[in-house]
Every structure is written in structure tokens, then in C-alpha cells.
């Protein structure tokens, strides 16, 4: 499943596969999506991602972090 994101490295909007996400967390007041090779910013809220990604193996560790259990 592909999701739209903003790439902080290239400063462009792109899509990434949810299988590539290691975790999503709140850093200060910004949501960050971490993959093995880059950091992205979401185009929606952390709450929306929690609902969307729950059925794909992501679990909420705390109020500010979602983790991909398949990547542990």
C-alpha cells in the first residue's frame, strides 16, 4: 500500500510503501516517518495514520509513536 508523503531530503511530495516504514513519531510538534533511508513528513495526522495502518501491523507505543511490528 502506497501513501503520499513529503520527503525532507528532496523537498518534494512522493509516495512510499507502508512496508518500508520503520516507525512514525512526533518530534516536537512535527510528525516524522522514518524509513531505512530517509525521513518523511505525513500529509495527514498521526491519528489518521494509526487508524489506517493498524490492520497492516502497526501498533501505537505511546501517544506520539506508531511502530511497524514487522520491522522489529
C-alpha atoms as a PDB file:
ATOM      1  CA  UNK A   1       0.000   0.000   0.000  1.00  0.00           C
ATOM      2  CA  UNK A   2       1.409   3.369  -1.039  1.00  0.00           C
ATOM      3  CA  UNK A   3       0.837   6.538   0.991  1.00  0.00           C
ATOM      4  CA  UNK A   4       1.577  10.132  -0.010  1.00  0.00           C
ATOM      5  CA  UNK A   5       4.298  11.902   1.996  1.00  0.00           C
ATOM      6  CA  UNK A   6       6.640  14.894   1.869  1.00  0.00           C
ATOM      7  CA  UNK A   7      10.324  13.948   1.602  1.00  0.00           C
ATOM      8  CA  UNK A   8      12.518  16.140   3.803  1.00  0.00           C
ATOM      9  CA  UNK A   9      15.626  15.225   1.785  1.00  0.00           C
ATOM     10  CA  UNK A  10      14.352  16.195  -1.662  1.00  0.00           C
ATOM     11  CA  UNK A  11      11.715  18.712  -0.529  1.00  0.00           C
ATOM     12  CA  UNK A  12       9.156  17.043  -2.805  1.00  0.00           C
ATOM     13  CA  UNK A  13       5.888  15.188  -2.363  1.00  0.00           C
ATOM     14  CA  UNK A  14       6.152  11.490  -3.190  1.00  0.00           C
ATOM     15  CA  UNK A  15       4.689   8.144  -2.148  1.00  0.00           C
ATOM     16  CA  UNK A  16       6.206   5.388  -0.035  1.00  0.00           C
ATOM     17  CA  UNK A  17       5.190   1.813   0.604  1.00  0.00           C
ATOM     18  CA  UNK A  18       3.976   1.221   4.165  1.00  0.00           C
ATOM     19  CA  UNK A  19       6.215  -1.874   4.304  1.00  0.00           C
ATOM     20  CA  UNK A  20       9.232   0.479   4.216  1.00  0.00           C
ATOM     21  CA  UNK A  21       8.178   2.431   7.330  1.00  0.00           C
ATOM     22  CA  UNK A  22      10.146   1.622  10.460  1.00  0.00           C
ATOM     23  CA  UNK A  23       8.184   3.934  12.740  1.00  0.00           C
ATOM     24  CA  UNK A  24       6.197   7.162  12.885  1.00  0.00           C
ATOM     25  CA  UNK A  25       6.647   9.535  15.778  1.00  0.00           C
ATOM     26  CA  UNK A  26       6.027  13.035  16.986  1.00  0.00           C
ATOM     27  CA  UNK A  27       9.214  15.115  17.154  1.00  0.00           C
ATOM     28  CA  UNK A  28       8.424  18.427  18.800  1.00  0.00           C
ATOM     29  CA  UNK A  29       5.239  19.449  17.035  1.00  0.00           C
ATOM     30  CA  UNK A  30       6.054  17.664  13.753  1.00  0.00           C
ATOM     31  CA  UNK A  31       5.161  14.118  12.755  1.00  0.00           C
ATOM     32  CA  UNK A  32       8.108  12.239  11.251  1.00  0.00           C
ATOM     33  CA  UNK A  33       8.013   8.988   9.254  1.00  0.00           C
ATOM     34  CA  UNK A  34      11.287   7.048   9.421  1.00  0.00           C
ATOM     35  CA  UNK A  35      12.349   4.546   6.772  1.00  0.00           C
ATOM     36  CA  UNK A  36      15.742   2.858   6.463  1.00  0.00           C
ATOM     37  CA  UNK A  37      16.992   5.561   4.110  1.00  0.00           C
ATOM     38  CA  UNK A  38      15.062   8.781   4.723  1.00  0.00           C
ATOM     39  CA  UNK A  39      12.722  10.846   6.870  1.00  0.00           C
ATOM     40  CA  UNK A  40       9.334  11.956   5.594  1.00  0.00           C
ATOM     41  CA  UNK A  41       6.559  14.220   6.771  1.00  0.00           C
ATOM     42  CA  UNK A  42       2.981  12.963   6.502  1.00  0.00           C
ATOM     43  CA  UNK A  43       0.205  14.711   4.672  1.00  0.00           C
ATOM     44  CA  UNK A  44      -2.310  13.741   7.374  1.00  0.00           C
ATOM     45  CA  UNK A  45      -2.486  13.433  11.170  1.00  0.00           C
ATOM     46  CA  UNK A  46      -0.878  10.775  13.383  1.00  0.00           C
ATOM     47  CA  UNK A  47      -4.357   9.703  14.489  1.00  0.00           C
ATOM     48  CA  UNK A  48      -5.353   9.115  10.863  1.00  0.00           C
ATOM     49  CA  UNK A  49      -2.209   7.039  10.288  1.00  0.00           C
ATOM     50  CA  UNK A  50      -2.914   4.991  13.421  1.00  0.00           C
ATOM     51  CA  UNK A  51      -6.357   4.085  12.109  1.00  0.00           C
ATOM     52  CA  UNK A  52      -5.138   3.431   8.559  1.00  0.00           C
ATOM     53  CA  UNK A  53      -2.070   1.370   9.453  1.00  0.00           C
ATOM     54  CA  UNK A  54      -3.456  -0.672  12.363  1.00  0.00           C
ATOM     55  CA  UNK A  55      -4.538  -3.510  10.077  1.00  0.00           C
ATOM     56  CA  UNK A  56      -1.087  -3.516   8.430  1.00  0.00           C
ATOM     57  CA  UNK A  57       0.905  -4.440  11.544  1.00  0.00           C
ATOM     58  CA  UNK A  58       1.486  -1.037  13.126  1.00  0.00           C
ATOM     59  CA  UNK A  59       0.956  -0.581  16.858  1.00  0.00           C
ATOM     60  CA  UNK A  60       0.794   2.529  18.968  1.00  0.00           C
ATOM     61  CA  UNK A  61       3.602   2.503  21.550  1.00  0.00           C
ATOM     62  CA  UNK A  62       2.524   5.734  23.183  1.00  0.00           C
ATOM     63  CA  UNK A  63       0.510   8.763  22.146  1.00  0.00           C
ATOM     64  CA  UNK A  64       3.323  10.020  19.935  1.00  0.00           C
ATOM     65  CA  UNK A  65       4.703   6.842  18.282  1.00  0.00           C
ATOM     66  CA  UNK A  66       3.480   4.156  15.864  1.00  0.00           C
ATOM     67  CA  UNK A  67       5.834   1.254  15.195  1.00  0.00           C
ATOM     68  CA  UNK A  68       5.845  -1.295  12.387  1.00  0.00           C
ATOM     69  CA  UNK A  69       5.960  -4.630  14.253  1.00  0.00           C
ATOM     70  CA  UNK A  70       7.104  -6.392  11.075  1.00  0.00           C
ATOM     71  CA  UNK A  71      10.368  -4.411  11.200  1.00  0.00           C
ATOM     72  CA  UNK A  72      11.347  -5.422  14.753  1.00  0.00           C
END
